[in-house]
């Protein structure tokens, strides 16, 4: 009986000790969590502050269009677009590249991507420009012309810019580079013969068009 009683007492003591240890551990954990909560709030506040500072340093542009729209002119067009060029051109724009260029100069490299579209303005075709002789249709087409020569702003970009030590650069230098790029893209298309190809493509298209109308022979006289 004594051994049994001693065993039971030992078990009860162990249970009590285990319960006490568990209680102490839980109390320590809760205390640690409670103690860490203020620091967690400080960390969250610090992260929020860093986010605000980053937003101030690199603000996102806000675009606010004017709610009022003015339509200046509406024109009906009869343009037959027959060819399109996609052109890439590198433009160098610089200012103040003399003796003191290292201090006051400004230089940038602009990679321009643009399109040039050419064709025939059919609105300029008059009834007197078309004659029918026997089974032959003679058509005096207006000369081909460039309709659009513009930059693709999504693909065009400033590759590099080097400003002097004592200047922040010329404000309108990139604008001047873009304007020059449009001119150069147009010039490159003209030098490559875009107008000749536009005229050839227009004649090929119109031959099919007039053939569908019953004119088996179409001639475009060369002036």
Protein backbone atom coordinates (compact mmCIF):
# COMPACT_ATOMS: atom_id res chain seq x y z
CA UNK A 1 0.00 0.00 0.00
CA UNK A 2 2.81 2.37 0.90
CA UNK A 3 4.51 1.78 -2.45
CA UNK A 4 1.24 2.35 -4.29
CA UNK A 5 0.58 5.55 -2.35
CA UNK A 6 4.10 6.77 -3.01
CA UNK A 7 3.68 6.09 -6.73
CA UNK A 8 0.38 7.97 -6.87
CA UNK A 9 1.90 10.92 -5.01
CA UNK A 10 4.86 10.95 -7.38
CA UNK A 11 2.54 10.99 -10.39
CA UNK A 12 0.48 13.82 -8.90
CA UNK A 13 3.61 15.83 -8.19
CA UNK A 14 4.81 15.32 -11.76
CA UNK A 15 1.42 16.37 -13.12
CA UNK A 16 1.44 19.48 -10.94
CA UNK A 17 4.99 20.31 -12.01
CA UNK A 18 4.14 19.77 -15.69
CA UNK A 19 1.07 21.98 -15.38
CA UNK A 20 3.16 24.65 -13.69
CA UNK A 21 5.84 24.53 -16.39
CA UNK A 22 3.19 24.71 -19.14
CA UNK A 23 1.58 27.69 -17.43
CA UNK A 24 4.95 29.45 -17.10
CA UNK A 25 5.80 28.81 -20.76
CA UNK A 26 2.44 30.11 -21.94
CA UNK A 27 2.79 33.15 -19.75
CA UNK A 28 6.26 33.87 -21.16
CA UNK A 29 4.99 33.47 -24.75
CA UNK A 30 2.05 35.80 -24.17
CA UNK A 31 4.33 38.32 -22.52
CA UNK A 32 6.76 38.14 -25.43
CA UNK A 33 3.96 38.63 -27.96
CA UNK A 34 2.59 41.57 -25.98
CA UNK A 35 6.04 43.09 -25.72
CA UNK A 36 6.66 42.69 -29.46
CA UNK A 37 3.39 44.30 -30.56
CA UNK A 38 4.56 47.91 -30.05
CA UNK A 39 7.72 47.16 -32.07
CA UNK A 40 5.63 45.56 -34.82
CA UNK A 41 3.53 48.72 -35.01
CA UNK A 42 6.71 50.79 -35.24
CA UNK A 43 7.98 48.55 -38.07
CA UNK A 44 4.70 48.90 -39.95
CA UNK A 45 4.76 52.67 -39.49
CA UNK A 46 8.37 52.75 -40.70
CA UNK A 47 7.52 50.71 -43.81
CA UNK A 48 4.59 53.01 -44.58
CA UNK A 49 6.87 56.04 -44.19
CA UNK A 50 9.47 54.53 -46.52
CA UNK A 51 6.76 53.87 -49.10
CA UNK A 52 5.61 57.50 -48.92
CA UNK A 53 9.20 58.75 -49.27
CA UNK A 54 9.72 56.51 -52.32
CA UNK A 55 6.51 57.84 -53.89
CA UNK A 56 7.63 61.41 -53.28
CA UNK A 57 11.05 60.72 -54.78
CA UNK A 58 9.54 59.04 -57.88
CA UNK A 59 6.06 60.49 -58.28
CA UNK A 60 3.67 58.97 -60.79
CA UNK A 61 2.64 61.58 -63.38
CA UNK A 62 -1.00 62.58 -63.26
CA UNK A 63 -2.59 63.31 -66.63
CA UNK A 64 -5.67 65.52 -66.49
CA UNK A 65 -7.21 66.16 -69.93
CA UNK A 66 -9.30 69.28 -70.43
CA UNK A 67 -12.98 68.20 -70.46
CA UNK A 68 -13.70 70.66 -73.28
CA UNK A 69 -12.90 69.46 -76.83
CA UNK A 70 -12.71 71.81 -79.81
CA UNK A 71 -13.15 70.32 -83.30
CA UNK A 72 -11.56 72.81 -85.69
CA UNK A 73 -12.21 71.09 -89.00
CA UNK A 74 -13.80 67.97 -90.49
CA UNK A 75 -12.69 66.94 -93.96
CA UNK A 76 -13.72 64.06 -96.18
CA UNK A 77 -10.70 62.21 -97.54
CA UNK A 78 -10.29 59.95 -100.53
CA UNK A 79 -6.71 58.84 -99.99
CA UNK A 80 -5.49 55.61 -101.47
CA UNK A 81 -2.62 54.52 -99.18
CA UNK A 82 -0.40 52.16 -101.14
CA UNK A 83 2.83 51.82 -99.16
CA UNK A 84 4.17 52.17 -95.61
CA UNK A 85 7.78 52.42 -94.46
CA UNK A 86 8.96 51.64 -90.92
CA UNK A 87 12.25 53.44 -90.31
CA UNK A 88 14.76 53.61 -87.46
CA UNK A 89 17.15 56.55 -87.22
CA UNK A 90 19.71 57.61 -84.60
CA UNK A 91 19.82 61.37 -84.05
CA UNK A 92 22.57 63.26 -82.20
CA UNK A 93 21.56 66.61 -80.75
CA UNK A 94 24.13 68.79 -79.03
CA UNK A 95 24.75 72.31 -77.84
CA UNK A 96 27.74 74.05 -76.29
CA UNK A 97 30.29 71.43 -77.33
CA UNK A 98 33.18 73.92 -77.57
CA UNK A 99 36.11 74.47 -75.24
CA UNK A 100 33.90 74.57 -72.16
CA UNK A 101 31.64 71.73 -73.25
CA UNK A 102 32.55 69.72 -70.16
CA UNK A 103 30.97 72.44 -68.03
CA UNK A 104 28.14 73.93 -70.10
CA UNK A 105 27.55 71.42 -72.91
CA UNK A 106 24.54 69.19 -73.49
CA UNK A 107 24.45 66.20 -75.83
CA UNK A 108 21.96 63.40 -76.35
CA UNK A 109 21.49 60.39 -78.57
CA UNK A 110 17.91 59.84 -79.67
CA UNK A 111 16.76 56.55 -81.22
CA UNK A 112 13.83 57.37 -83.46
CA UNK A 113 11.32 54.86 -84.77
CA UNK A 114 8.88 56.23 -87.30
CA UNK A 115 6.47 55.40 -90.08
CA UNK A 116 5.99 57.00 -93.48
CA UNK A 117 2.82 56.37 -95.48
CA UNK A 118 2.40 57.39 -99.11
CA UNK A 119 -0.18 56.96 -101.83
CA UNK A 120 -2.54 58.77 -104.20
CA UNK A 121 -5.06 61.43 -103.25
CA UNK A 122 -8.02 60.28 -105.36
CA UNK A 123 -9.89 63.49 -104.52
CA UNK A 124 -7.57 65.22 -107.00
CA UNK A 125 -8.69 62.90 -109.81
CA UNK A 126 -11.02 64.89 -112.09
CA UNK A 127 -13.49 63.51 -114.70
CA UNK A 128 -11.32 64.98 -117.46
CA UNK A 129 -8.43 62.82 -116.25
CA UNK A 130 -10.23 59.69 -117.46
CA UNK A 131 -10.92 58.97 -121.14
CA UNK A 132 -12.19 55.87 -122.91
CA UNK A 133 -10.93 55.18 -126.41
CA UNK A 134 -12.23 52.03 -128.06
CA UNK A 135 -11.56 49.33 -125.48
CA UNK A 136 -8.83 51.19 -123.63
CA UNK A 137 -9.30 53.31 -120.50
CA UNK A 138 -6.75 56.07 -120.04
CA UNK A 139 -6.30 57.39 -116.51
CA UNK A 140 -4.09 60.35 -115.62
CA UNK A 141 -3.40 59.74 -111.95
CA UNK A 142 -2.41 62.55 -109.60
CA UNK A 143 1.24 62.28 -108.48
CA UNK A 144 1.88 60.16 -105.44
CA UNK A 145 2.57 61.97 -102.19
CA UNK A 146 3.45 61.36 -98.56
CA UNK A 147 0.42 61.39 -96.28
CA UNK A 148 2.06 60.68 -92.94
CA UNK A 149 5.62 60.95 -91.64
CA UNK A 150 5.62 60.66 -87.89
CA UNK A 151 7.42 59.14 -84.91
CA UNK A 152 6.26 56.10 -83.01
CA UNK A 153 6.48 57.52 -79.48
CA UNK A 154 6.18 54.11 -77.85
CA UNK A 155 9.34 52.88 -79.59
CA UNK A 156 11.35 56.12 -79.76
CA UNK A 157 13.56 56.96 -76.79
CA UNK A 158 16.60 58.89 -75.54
CA UNK A 159 19.45 56.37 -75.48
CA UNK A 160 22.02 58.56 -73.73
CA UNK A 161 22.39 62.14 -72.51
CA UNK A 162 25.53 63.89 -71.28
CA UNK A 163 25.17 67.29 -69.62
CA UNK A 164 27.98 69.56 -68.44
CA UNK A 165 29.04 69.84 -64.82
CA UNK A 166 27.54 73.32 -64.42
CA UNK A 167 24.28 72.91 -66.35
CA UNK A 168 21.09 70.87 -66.17
CA UNK A 169 20.83 70.74 -69.95
CA UNK A 170 18.85 72.63 -72.56
CA UNK A 171 15.14 72.22 -71.91
CA UNK A 172 14.02 71.83 -75.52
CA UNK A 173 16.95 69.74 -76.79
CA UNK A 174 14.91 66.52 -76.90
CA UNK A 175 12.06 68.34 -78.66
CA UNK A 176 14.50 69.59 -81.30
CA UNK A 177 15.86 66.05 -81.69
CA UNK A 178 12.34 64.70 -82.25
CA UNK A 179 11.56 67.33 -84.84
CA UNK A 180 14.80 66.60 -86.67
CA UNK A 181 14.05 62.86 -86.47
CA UNK A 182 10.71 63.32 -88.24
CA UNK A 183 12.41 65.29 -91.02
CA UNK A 184 15.16 62.68 -91.36
CA UNK A 185 12.68 59.80 -91.49
CA UNK A 186 10.74 61.55 -94.24
CA UNK A 187 13.96 62.31 -96.12
CA UNK A 188 15.15 58.70 -95.86
CA UNK A 189 11.87 57.41 -97.30
CA UNK A 190 12.06 59.86 -100.20
CA UNK A 191 15.65 58.90 -100.95
CA UNK A 192 14.65 55.23 -100.99
CA UNK A 193 12.02 55.91 -103.66
CA UNK A 194 8.82 55.67 -101.64
CA UNK A 195 6.90 57.89 -104.08
CA UNK A 196 7.83 55.77 -107.10
CA UNK A 197 6.78 52.61 -105.31
CA UNK A 198 3.56 54.26 -104.11
CA UNK A 199 2.69 55.17 -107.72
CA UNK A 200 3.45 51.65 -108.95
CA UNK A 201 1.34 50.07 -106.21
CA UNK A 202 -1.53 52.46 -106.92
CA UNK A 203 -1.56 51.58 -110.62
CA UNK A 204 -1.50 47.85 -109.85
CA UNK A 205 -4.45 48.23 -107.48
CA UNK A 206 -6.48 50.42 -109.85
CA UNK A 207 -5.96 48.03 -112.77
CA UNK A 208 -7.69 45.33 -110.72
CA UNK A 209 -10.37 47.81 -109.66
CA UNK A 210 -11.21 48.98 -113.18
CA UNK A 211 -11.00 45.42 -114.48
CA UNK A 212 -13.74 44.44 -112.03
CA UNK A 213 -15.83 47.26 -113.52
CA UNK A 214 -15.44 45.82 -117.03
CA UNK A 215 -12.44 47.75 -118.37
CA UNK A 216 -10.08 45.04 -119.60
CA UNK A 217 -7.29 47.42 -120.65
CA UNK A 218 -6.17 50.35 -118.48
CA UNK A 219 -3.28 52.64 -119.34
CA UNK A 220 -1.74 55.29 -117.11
CA UNK A 221 -0.05 57.80 -119.45
CA UNK A 222 3.37 59.04 -118.38
CA UNK A 223 3.59 62.79 -118.48
